[in-house]
């Protein structure tokens, strides 16, 4: 990660997506924000 301060970005999740996110984060024993950061990182690298 960079040295700049982090930002908070509000996002709305469909109930099914939120459920899947909670389950995946629990499986991997990581926080919800960490799961979101990883997903965004993978999305950007795939472009």
C-alpha atoms as a PDB file:
ATOM      1  CA  UNK A   1       0.000   0.000   0.000  1.00  0.00           C
ATOM      2  CA  UNK A   2       1.061   3.580  -0.541  1.00  0.00           C
ATOM      3  CA  UNK A   3       2.057   6.054   2.126  1.00  0.00           C
ATOM      4  CA  UNK A   4      -0.903   8.407   1.526  1.00  0.00           C
ATOM      5  CA  UNK A   5      -3.828   8.462   3.928  1.00  0.00           C
ATOM      6  CA  UNK A   6      -6.645   6.002   3.234  1.00  0.00           C
ATOM      7  CA  UNK A   7     -10.052   7.166   2.123  1.00  0.00           C
ATOM      8  CA  UNK A   8     -13.496   5.885   3.000  1.00  0.00           C
ATOM      9  CA  UNK A   9     -15.756   5.181   0.016  1.00  0.00           C
ATOM     10  CA  UNK A  10     -19.398   4.380   0.695  1.00  0.00           C
ATOM     11  CA  UNK A  11     -20.868   1.607  -1.409  1.00  0.00           C
ATOM     12  CA  UNK A  12     -24.252  -0.136  -1.414  1.00  0.00           C
ATOM     13  CA  UNK A  13     -24.338  -3.919  -1.569  1.00  0.00           C
ATOM     14  CA  UNK A  14     -27.233  -6.115  -2.598  1.00  0.00           C
ATOM     15  CA  UNK A  15     -28.226  -8.444   0.271  1.00  0.00           C
ATOM     16  CA  UNK A  16     -26.947 -11.525  -1.588  1.00  0.00           C
ATOM     17  CA  UNK A  17     -23.586  -9.885  -2.274  1.00  0.00           C
ATOM     18  CA  UNK A  18     -23.258  -8.808   1.361  1.00  0.00           C
ATOM     19  CA  UNK A  19     -24.048 -12.365   2.525  1.00  0.00           C
ATOM     20  CA  UNK A  20     -21.453 -13.832   0.162  1.00  0.00           C
ATOM     21  CA  UNK A  21     -18.895 -11.243   1.276  1.00  0.00           C
ATOM     22  CA  UNK A  22     -19.470 -12.061   4.950  1.00  0.00           C
ATOM     23  CA  UNK A  23     -19.144 -15.789   4.284  1.00  0.00           C
ATOM     24  CA  UNK A  24     -15.966 -15.413   2.222  1.00  0.00           C
ATOM     25  CA  UNK A  25     -14.308 -13.117   4.748  1.00  0.00           C
ATOM     26  CA  UNK A  26     -15.155 -15.558   7.548  1.00  0.00           C
ATOM     27  CA  UNK A  27     -13.754 -18.472   5.519  1.00  0.00           C
ATOM     28  CA  UNK A  28     -10.502 -16.627   4.960  1.00  0.00           C
ATOM     29  CA  UNK A  29     -10.474 -15.213   8.505  1.00  0.00           C
ATOM     30  CA  UNK A  30     -10.070 -11.647   7.280  1.00  0.00           C
ATOM     31  CA  UNK A  31     -12.045  -8.462   7.906  1.00  0.00           C
ATOM     32  CA  UNK A  32     -14.767  -7.249   5.585  1.00  0.00           C
ATOM     33  CA  UNK A  33     -12.688  -4.190   4.561  1.00  0.00           C
ATOM     34  CA  UNK A  34      -9.709  -6.430   3.781  1.00  0.00           C
ATOM     35  CA  UNK A  35     -11.900  -8.707   1.652  1.00  0.00           C
ATOM     36  CA  UNK A  36     -13.173  -5.670  -0.261  1.00  0.00           C
ATOM     37  CA  UNK A  37      -9.635  -4.300  -0.776  1.00  0.00           C
ATOM     38  CA  UNK A  38      -8.471  -7.684  -2.102  1.00  0.00           C
ATOM     39  CA  UNK A  39     -11.448  -7.966  -4.453  1.00  0.00           C
ATOM     40  CA  UNK A  40     -10.864  -4.477  -5.856  1.00  0.00           C
ATOM     41  CA  UNK A  41      -7.156  -5.212  -6.252  1.00  0.00           C
ATOM     42  CA  UNK A  42      -7.892  -8.398  -8.203  1.00  0.00           C
ATOM     43  CA  UNK A  43     -10.423  -6.567 -10.375  1.00  0.00           C
ATOM     44  CA  UNK A  44      -7.906  -3.836 -11.236  1.00  0.00           C
ATOM     45  CA  UNK A  45      -5.103  -6.301 -12.009  1.00  0.00           C
ATOM     46  CA  UNK A  46      -7.442  -8.252 -14.326  1.00  0.00           C
ATOM     47  CA  UNK A  47      -8.093  -5.185 -16.492  1.00  0.00           C
END
